[in-house]
N, C-alpha and C. Protein backbone atom coordinates (compact mmCIF):
# COMPACT_ATOMS: atom_id res chain seq x y z
N UNK A 1 110.06 76.38 19.51
CA UNK A 1 111.22 75.78 19.95
C UNK A 1 110.78 74.89 21.02
N UNK A 2 110.95 73.73 20.85
CA UNK A 2 110.73 72.49 21.85
C UNK A 2 111.94 71.64 22.05
N UNK A 3 112.72 72.06 23.29
CA UNK A 3 113.74 71.12 23.48
C UNK A 3 113.48 69.82 23.64
N UNK A 4 112.31 69.45 24.38
CA UNK A 4 112.02 68.19 24.53
C UNK A 4 111.95 67.32 23.39
N UNK A 5 111.51 67.74 22.18
CA UNK A 5 111.72 67.05 20.96
C UNK A 5 113.12 66.46 20.65
N UNK A 6 114.18 67.34 20.87
CA UNK A 6 115.49 66.82 20.66
C UNK A 6 115.91 66.06 21.62
N UNK A 7 115.40 66.18 22.94
CA UNK A 7 115.73 65.19 24.03
C UNK A 7 115.24 63.90 23.88
N UNK A 8 113.84 63.80 23.49
CA UNK A 8 113.30 62.54 23.12
C UNK A 8 113.93 61.70 21.83
N UNK A 9 114.41 62.66 20.76
CA UNK A 9 114.94 61.92 19.68
C UNK A 9 116.65 61.33 20.10
N UNK A 10 117.27 62.30 20.82
CA UNK A 10 118.70 61.96 21.35
C UNK A 10 118.75 60.65 22.38
N UNK A 11 117.65 60.64 23.19
CA UNK A 11 117.66 59.55 24.20
C UNK A 11 116.42 59.07 24.40
N UNK A 12 116.13 58.10 23.33
CA UNK A 12 114.79 57.59 23.37
C UNK A 12 114.55 56.50 24.53
N UNK A 13 115.63 55.97 24.72
CA UNK A 13 115.70 54.77 25.76
C UNK A 13 116.16 54.99 27.18
N UNK A 14 116.62 56.30 27.04
CA UNK A 14 117.08 56.53 28.48
C UNK A 14 116.09 57.22 29.44
N UNK A 15 115.72 56.35 30.25
CA UNK A 15 114.59 56.94 31.13
C UNK A 15 115.00 57.79 32.36
N UNK A 16 116.09 57.89 32.58
CA UNK A 16 116.78 58.82 33.68
C UNK A 16 116.78 60.26 33.00
N UNK A 17 117.18 60.28 31.88
CA UNK A 17 117.37 61.63 31.14
C UNK A 17 115.88 62.27 30.82
N UNK A 18 115.24 61.45 30.30
CA UNK A 18 113.71 61.74 30.14
C UNK A 18 112.77 62.17 31.54
N UNK A 19 113.26 61.72 32.57
CA UNK A 19 112.28 61.96 33.79
C UNK A 19 113.12 63.33 34.16
N UNK A 20 114.51 63.44 34.05
CA UNK A 20 115.04 64.86 34.56
C UNK A 20 114.70 65.87 33.63
N UNK A 21 114.50 65.77 32.45
CA UNK A 21 113.97 66.68 31.61
C UNK A 21 112.21 67.17 31.85
N UNK A 22 111.58 65.85 32.06
CA UNK A 22 110.38 66.46 32.36
C UNK A 22 110.41 67.25 33.84
N UNK A 23 110.82 66.85 34.85
CA UNK A 23 110.59 67.38 36.07
C UNK A 23 111.29 68.82 36.03
N UNK A 24 112.30 69.09 35.31
CA UNK A 24 112.87 70.34 35.01
C UNK A 24 112.05 71.12 34.29
N UNK A 25 111.24 70.84 33.41
CA UNK A 25 110.39 71.48 32.35
C UNK A 25 108.94 71.60 33.18
N UNK A 26 108.49 70.85 33.62
CA UNK A 26 107.06 70.84 34.14
C UNK A 26 106.57 70.77 35.53
N UNK A 27 107.51 70.37 36.47
CA UNK A 27 107.05 70.39 37.81
C UNK A 27 107.02 71.76 38.46
N UNK A 28 107.79 72.87 38.14
CA UNK A 28 108.26 74.18 38.92
C UNK A 28 107.51 75.21 37.99
N UNK A 29 107.38 76.08 38.74
CA UNK A 29 106.61 77.48 38.22
C UNK A 29 107.34 78.62 38.89
N UNK A 30 107.08 79.94 38.50
CA UNK A 30 107.92 81.04 38.91
C UNK A 30 109.32 80.84 38.93
N UNK A 31 109.83 81.43 39.90
CA UNK A 31 111.27 81.69 40.19
C UNK A 31 112.08 80.21 40.28
N UNK A 32 111.43 79.01 40.61
CA UNK A 32 112.08 77.89 40.50
C UNK A 32 112.05 77.19 39.12
N UNK A 33 111.18 77.70 38.40
CA UNK A 33 111.23 77.43 36.83
C UNK A 33 112.49 77.89 36.20
N UNK A 34 112.74 79.38 36.45
CA UNK A 34 113.94 79.98 35.95
C UNK A 34 115.01 79.29 36.45
N UNK A 35 115.16 78.78 37.57
CA UNK A 35 116.54 78.12 38.09
C UNK A 35 116.38 76.71 37.27
N UNK A 36 115.53 75.91 37.24
CA UNK A 36 115.24 74.66 36.56
C UNK A 36 115.57 75.01 34.99
N UNK A 37 115.16 76.01 34.33
CA UNK A 37 115.55 76.50 32.87
C UNK A 37 116.93 76.30 32.71
N UNK A 38 117.64 77.00 33.53
CA UNK A 38 118.97 77.26 33.56
C UNK A 38 119.82 75.86 33.76
N UNK A 39 119.33 75.20 34.71
CA UNK A 39 119.91 74.00 34.82
C UNK A 39 119.73 73.21 33.65
N UNK A 40 118.34 73.12 32.79
CA UNK A 40 118.43 72.19 31.78
C UNK A 40 119.40 72.71 30.82
N UNK A 41 119.56 74.12 30.69
CA UNK A 41 120.55 74.65 29.77
C UNK A 41 121.93 74.01 29.97
N UNK A 42 122.34 74.26 31.17
CA UNK A 42 123.78 73.41 31.35
C UNK A 42 123.98 72.06 31.11
N UNK A 43 122.86 71.26 31.22
CA UNK A 43 122.62 70.07 30.97
C UNK A 43 122.78 69.79 29.49
N UNK A 44 121.98 70.59 28.89
CA UNK A 44 122.14 70.72 27.22
C UNK A 44 123.32 71.00 26.59
N UNK A 45 124.21 71.61 27.46
CA UNK A 45 125.58 71.93 27.00
C UNK A 45 126.44 70.74 27.01
N UNK A 46 126.17 70.07 28.07
CA UNK A 46 126.94 68.59 28.31
C UNK A 46 126.52 67.70 27.16
N UNK A 47 125.43 67.56 26.74
CA UNK A 47 124.83 66.66 25.70
C UNK A 47 124.63 67.53 24.29
N UNK A 48 125.30 68.41 24.08
CA UNK A 48 125.22 69.00 22.57
C UNK A 48 125.45 68.31 21.56
N UNK A 49 126.44 67.43 21.49
CA UNK A 49 126.83 66.62 20.21
C UNK A 49 125.59 65.65 20.02
N UNK A 50 124.96 64.95 21.14
CA UNK A 50 123.91 64.08 20.91
C UNK A 50 122.71 64.71 20.35
N UNK A 51 122.38 66.13 21.05
CA UNK A 51 121.25 66.67 20.68
C UNK A 51 121.24 67.20 19.14
N UNK A 52 122.24 67.58 18.94
CA UNK A 52 122.44 68.10 17.46
C UNK A 52 122.36 67.16 16.61
N UNK A 53 122.76 65.64 16.81
CA UNK A 53 122.70 64.54 16.08
C UNK A 53 121.56 64.25 16.08
N UNK A 54 120.50 64.65 16.92
CA UNK A 54 119.15 64.52 16.76
C UNK A 54 118.40 65.17 16.18
N UNK A 55 118.90 66.46 15.55
CA UNK A 55 118.23 67.25 14.65
C UNK A 55 117.90 68.68 15.42
N UNK A 56 118.59 69.04 16.59
CA UNK A 56 118.50 70.07 17.24
C UNK A 56 119.47 71.24 16.46
N UNK A 57 118.90 72.26 15.78
CA UNK A 57 119.73 73.21 15.09
C UNK A 57 120.80 73.73 15.80
N UNK A 58 121.90 74.19 14.94
CA UNK A 58 122.96 74.75 15.59
C UNK A 58 122.72 76.11 16.49
N UNK A 59 121.86 76.65 16.05
CA UNK A 59 121.37 78.13 16.44
C UNK A 59 120.49 77.97 17.92
N UNK A 60 120.01 76.73 18.24
CA UNK A 60 118.90 76.59 19.17
C UNK A 60 119.71 76.99 20.47
N UNK A 61 120.90 76.66 20.85
CA UNK A 61 121.72 77.23 22.00
C UNK A 61 121.66 78.59 22.24
N UNK A 62 122.05 79.41 21.24
CA UNK A 62 121.90 80.72 21.27
C UNK A 62 120.36 81.32 21.58
N UNK A 63 119.51 80.67 20.79
CA UNK A 63 117.98 81.15 20.86
C UNK A 63 117.62 80.83 22.28
N UNK A 64 117.93 79.73 22.93
CA UNK A 64 117.37 79.25 24.43
C UNK A 64 118.05 80.26 25.30
N UNK A 65 119.59 80.82 25.08
CA UNK A 65 120.18 81.39 25.88
C UNK A 65 119.43 82.80 25.96
N UNK A 66 119.04 83.43 24.84
CA UNK A 66 118.15 84.63 24.66
C UNK A 66 116.96 84.54 25.44
N UNK A 67 116.11 83.41 25.05
CA UNK A 67 114.76 83.25 25.86
C UNK A 67 115.12 83.32 27.61
N UNK A 68 116.02 82.30 27.82
CA UNK A 68 116.13 82.51 29.18
C UNK A 68 116.66 83.77 29.89
N UNK A 69 117.23 84.37 29.29
CA UNK A 69 117.59 86.05 29.78
C UNK A 69 116.28 86.80 29.91
N UNK A 70 115.54 86.69 28.71
CA UNK A 70 114.13 87.47 28.92
C UNK A 70 113.32 86.71 30.23
N UNK A 71 113.34 85.33 30.36
CA UNK A 71 112.66 84.88 31.35
C UNK A 71 112.96 85.34 32.59
N UNK A 72 114.25 85.26 32.87
CA UNK A 72 114.84 85.60 34.08
C UNK A 72 114.47 87.17 34.48
N UNK A 73 114.82 87.91 33.26
CA UNK A 73 114.43 89.43 33.52
C UNK A 73 112.85 89.57 33.91
N UNK A 74 111.99 88.99 33.42
CA UNK A 74 110.69 89.03 33.67
C UNK A 74 110.40 88.56 34.84
N UNK A 75 110.82 87.60 35.34
CA UNK A 75 110.85 86.99 36.85
C UNK A 75 111.30 88.15 37.77
N UNK A 76 112.38 88.68 37.56
CA UNK A 76 112.78 89.61 38.58
C UNK A 76 112.02 90.94 38.43
N UNK A 77 111.83 91.23 37.22
CA UNK A 77 110.63 92.27 37.24
C UNK A 77 109.31 92.26 38.07
N UNK A 78 108.91 91.11 37.89
CA UNK A 78 107.66 90.61 38.64
C UNK A 78 108.03 90.72 40.44
N UNK A 79 109.19 90.17 40.63
CA UNK A 79 109.52 90.19 42.18
C UNK A 79 109.65 91.76 42.43
N UNK A 80 110.17 92.53 41.75
CA UNK A 80 110.44 94.26 42.16
C UNK A 80 108.77 94.60 42.31
N UNK A 81 107.83 94.30 41.42
CA UNK A 81 106.67 94.92 41.62
C UNK A 81 106.04 94.36 42.94
N UNK A 82 106.18 93.40 43.36
CA UNK A 82 105.46 92.68 44.45
C UNK A 82 105.92 93.76 45.52
């Protein structure tokens, strides 16, 4: 599941959106990555029509939501162990 593929297809010439996606995806780690991932999810909801027109499956949003929940839970568990 590579959201970046759909972002690049939906907005091939929009440098601003491509930079935002890159920063949200690759610049952070740990808890900041979780926050960035939820931010990316929120932005995805705003551009859902364009992303689906670029080939993003209709089930992608629900799958991403599930994975984000697991990611957040894992980060919380890691903080509790510290």
